[in-house]
Amino acid sequence: MSILRVAFVLVTLGGGACAFTPQRGESLEAINSGSFISIAHAVAFDHGCAADHVRVIRTEESLMAEPRAVDMDVCGVVRRYKSIGGTWLDVTSLYPAATLPQPLPPM
């Protein structure tokens, strides 16, 4: 259900979105640009964590300067999301824990 919701929000908001890369440690709730509008709320919903506690650790940008992968600190737990066909999916379980970054220091 949440994947469909994410897809709808991305299609609705993504049309006029401009490229933007958040800074390390920045709360996704505070970002008001592009696909980060929807990913913050989707991640917060998926993991039961307030959107202001979902913070960027690092992003991987595509050739079009839109992020295609984001590592986030979600209430102290690292989660990796990738944009696949315009939909953000949690792919954390596909990677060995050693390949993921460390969580950010507490807020």
C-alpha atoms as a PDB file:
ATOM      1  CA  MET A   1       0.000   0.000   0.000  1.00  0.00           C
ATOM      2  CA  SER A   2       2.734   2.509   0.880  1.00  0.00           C
ATOM      3  CA  ILE A   3       4.534   1.903  -2.438  1.00  0.00           C
ATOM      4  CA  LEU A   4       1.390   2.946  -4.305  1.00  0.00           C
ATOM      5  CA  ARG A   5       1.098   6.024  -2.106  1.00  0.00           C
ATOM      6  CA  VAL A   6       4.736   6.937  -2.784  1.00  0.00           C
ATOM      7  CA  ALA A   7       4.217   6.485  -6.529  1.00  0.00           C
ATOM      8  CA  PHE A   8       1.133   8.712  -6.481  1.00  0.00           C
ATOM      9  CA  VAL A   9       2.901  11.470  -4.553  1.00  0.00           C
ATOM     10  CA  LEU A  10       5.954  11.285  -6.809  1.00  0.00           C
ATOM     11  CA  VAL A  11       3.832  11.548  -9.935  1.00  0.00           C
ATOM     12  CA  THR A  12       1.756  14.366  -8.446  1.00  0.00           C
ATOM     13  CA  LEU A  13       4.664  16.436  -7.134  1.00  0.00           C
ATOM     14  CA  GLY A  14       7.515  15.295  -9.338  1.00  0.00           C
ATOM     15  CA  GLY A  15       6.364  16.924 -12.560  1.00  0.00           C
ATOM     16  CA  GLY A  16       7.731  20.377 -11.749  1.00  0.00           C
ATOM     17  CA  ALA A  17      10.455  19.312  -9.371  1.00  0.00           C
ATOM     18  CA  CYS A  18      13.907  20.715  -9.789  1.00  0.00           C
ATOM     19  CA  ALA A  19      17.135  18.979  -8.894  1.00  0.00           C
ATOM     20  CA  PHE A  20      18.199  19.420  -5.287  1.00  0.00           C
ATOM     21  CA  THR A  21      20.608  17.550  -3.061  1.00  0.00           C
ATOM     22  CA  PRO A  22      20.116  17.811   0.690  1.00  0.00           C
ATOM     23  CA  GLN A  23      23.055  18.236   3.047  1.00  0.00           C
ATOM     24  CA  ARG A  24      24.297  15.473   5.358  1.00  0.00           C
ATOM     25  CA  GLY A  25      22.306  15.464   8.599  1.00  0.00           C
ATOM     26  CA  GLU A  26      19.483  17.572   7.182  1.00  0.00           C
ATOM     27  CA  SER A  27      15.990  16.492   8.182  1.00  0.00           C
ATOM     28  CA  LEU A  28      13.927  15.416   5.203  1.00  0.00           C
ATOM     29  CA  GLU A  29      10.887  17.128   6.700  1.00  0.00           C
ATOM     30  CA  ALA A  30      12.672  20.476   6.378  1.00  0.00           C
ATOM     31  CA  ILE A  31      13.402  19.910   2.679  1.00  0.00           C
ATOM     32  CA  ASN A  32      10.768  21.337   0.381  1.00  0.00           C
ATOM     33  CA  SER A  33      12.020  20.291  -3.039  1.00  0.00           C
ATOM     34  CA  GLY A  34      11.584  17.541  -5.604  1.00  0.00           C
ATOM     35  CA  SER A  35      11.054  13.933  -4.623  1.00  0.00           C
ATOM     36  CA  PHE A  36      12.299  14.555  -1.083  1.00  0.00           C
ATOM     37  CA  ILE A  37       8.874  15.963  -0.253  1.00  0.00           C
ATOM     38  CA  SER A  38       7.304  12.547  -0.646  1.00  0.00           C
ATOM     39  CA  ILE A  39      10.133  10.316   0.518  1.00  0.00           C
ATOM     40  CA  ALA A  40      10.253  11.895   3.993  1.00  0.00           C
ATOM     41  CA  HIS A  41       6.614  11.142   4.663  1.00  0.00           C
ATOM     42  CA  ALA A  42       6.768   7.675   3.093  1.00  0.00           C
ATOM     43  CA  VAL A  43       9.804   6.688   5.180  1.00  0.00           C
ATOM     44  CA  ALA A  44       8.232   8.138   8.326  1.00  0.00           C
ATOM     45  CA  PHE A  45       5.076   6.121   7.674  1.00  0.00           C
ATOM     46  CA  ASP A  46       6.893   2.900   6.742  1.00  0.00           C
ATOM     47  CA  HIS A  47       9.072   2.927   9.855  1.00  0.00           C
ATOM     48  CA  GLY A  48       6.863   4.677  12.436  1.00  0.00           C
ATOM     49  CA  CYS A  49       9.361   7.521  12.817  1.00  0.00           C
ATOM     50  CA  ALA A  50       8.454  11.237  12.784  1.00  0.00           C
ATOM     51  CA  ALA A  51       9.499  12.901   9.508  1.00  0.00           C
ATOM     52  CA  ASP A  52      11.671  15.391  11.391  1.00  0.00           C
ATOM     53  CA  HIS A  53      13.749  12.429  12.656  1.00  0.00           C
ATOM     54  CA  VAL A  54      14.462  11.154   9.125  1.00  0.00           C
ATOM     55  CA  ARG A  55      17.863  12.636   8.232  1.00  0.00           C
ATOM     56  CA  VAL A  56      20.041  12.353   5.159  1.00  0.00           C
ATOM     57  CA  ILE A  57      23.349  10.519   5.520  1.00  0.00           C
ATOM     58  CA  ARG A  58      24.314  10.533   1.836  1.00  0.00           C
ATOM     59  CA  THR A  59      22.788  10.599  -1.625  1.00  0.00           C
ATOM     60  CA  GLU A  60      23.815   9.067  -4.933  1.00  0.00           C
ATOM     61  CA  GLU A  61      22.914  11.218  -7.891  1.00  0.00           C
ATOM     62  CA  SER A  62      22.109  10.105 -11.391  1.00  0.00           C
ATOM     63  CA  LEU A  63      23.316  11.779 -14.573  1.00  0.00           C
ATOM     64  CA  MET A  64      20.232  14.020 -14.467  1.00  0.00           C
ATOM     65  CA  ALA A  65      21.225  15.353 -11.000  1.00  0.00           C
ATOM     66  CA  GLU A  66      18.142  13.862  -9.361  1.00  0.00           C
ATOM     67  CA  PRO A  67      19.001  11.491  -6.525  1.00  0.00           C
ATOM     68  CA  ARG A  68      18.632   7.827  -7.351  1.00  0.00           C
ATOM     69  CA  ALA A  69      19.640   6.466  -3.943  1.00  0.00           C
ATOM     70  CA  VAL A  70      19.514   7.877  -0.426  1.00  0.00           C
ATOM     71  CA  ASP A  71      20.968   6.519   2.810  1.00  0.00           C
ATOM     72  CA  MET A  72      19.014   7.890   5.756  1.00  0.00           C
ATOM     73  CA  ASP A  73      19.128   7.821   9.513  1.00  0.00           C
ATOM     74  CA  VAL A  74      15.574   6.851  10.436  1.00  0.00           C
ATOM     75  CA  CYS A  75      15.221   7.322  14.206  1.00  0.00           C
ATOM     76  CA  GLY A  76      18.769   6.011  14.695  1.00  0.00           C
ATOM     77  CA  VAL A  77      18.594   3.150  12.169  1.00  0.00           C
ATOM     78  CA  VAL A  78      20.211   3.342   8.720  1.00  0.00           C
ATOM     79  CA  ARG A  79      17.848   2.691   5.800  1.00  0.00           C
ATOM     80  CA  ARG A  80      18.711   2.742   2.080  1.00  0.00           C
ATOM     81  CA  TYR A  81      16.071   3.798  -0.448  1.00  0.00           C
ATOM     82  CA  LYS A  82      16.476   3.694  -4.231  1.00  0.00           C
ATOM     83  CA  SER A  83      14.386   5.282  -6.913  1.00  0.00           C
ATOM     84  CA  ILE A  84      13.301   2.515  -9.261  1.00  0.00           C
ATOM     85  CA  GLY A  85      11.110   3.621 -12.116  1.00  0.00           C
ATOM     86  CA  GLY A  86      10.279   6.822 -10.230  1.00  0.00           C
ATOM     87  CA  THR A  87       9.150   4.998  -7.081  1.00  0.00           C
ATOM     88  CA  TRP A  88      11.224   5.048  -3.892  1.00  0.00           C
ATOM     89  CA  LEU A  89      11.752   1.548  -2.474  1.00  0.00           C
ATOM     90  CA  ASP A  90      13.429   0.435   0.758  1.00  0.00           C
ATOM     91  CA  VAL A  91      16.296  -1.787  -0.397  1.00  0.00           C
ATOM     92  CA  THR A  92      18.214  -1.943   2.890  1.00  0.00           C
ATOM     93  CA  SER A  93      17.870  -5.717   3.224  1.00  0.00           C
ATOM     94  CA  LEU A  94      19.638  -6.216  -0.133  1.00  0.00           C
ATOM     95  CA  TYR A  95      22.946  -4.910   1.227  1.00  0.00           C
ATOM     96  CA  PRO A  96      25.296  -6.379   3.847  1.00  0.00           C
ATOM     97  CA  ALA A  97      25.302  -4.274   7.009  1.00  0.00           C
ATOM     98  CA  ALA A  98      29.035  -3.572   6.537  1.00  0.00           C
ATOM     99  CA  THR A  99      28.323  -1.686   3.293  1.00  0.00           C
ATOM    100  CA  LEU A 100      25.879   0.737   4.918  1.00  0.00           C
ATOM    101  CA  PRO A 101      27.079   3.953   6.573  1.00  0.00           C
ATOM    102  CA  GLN A 102      26.942   4.482  10.324  1.00  0.00           C
ATOM    103  CA  PRO A 103      23.899   6.260  11.796  1.00  0.00           C
ATOM    104  CA  LEU A 104      24.254   9.962  12.537  1.00  0.00           C
ATOM    105  CA  PRO A 105      24.856  11.193  16.086  1.00  0.00           C
ATOM    106  CA  PRO A 106      21.604  11.734  18.033  1.00  0.00           C
ATOM    107  CA  MET A 107      19.833  15.016  17.451  1.00  0.00           C
END
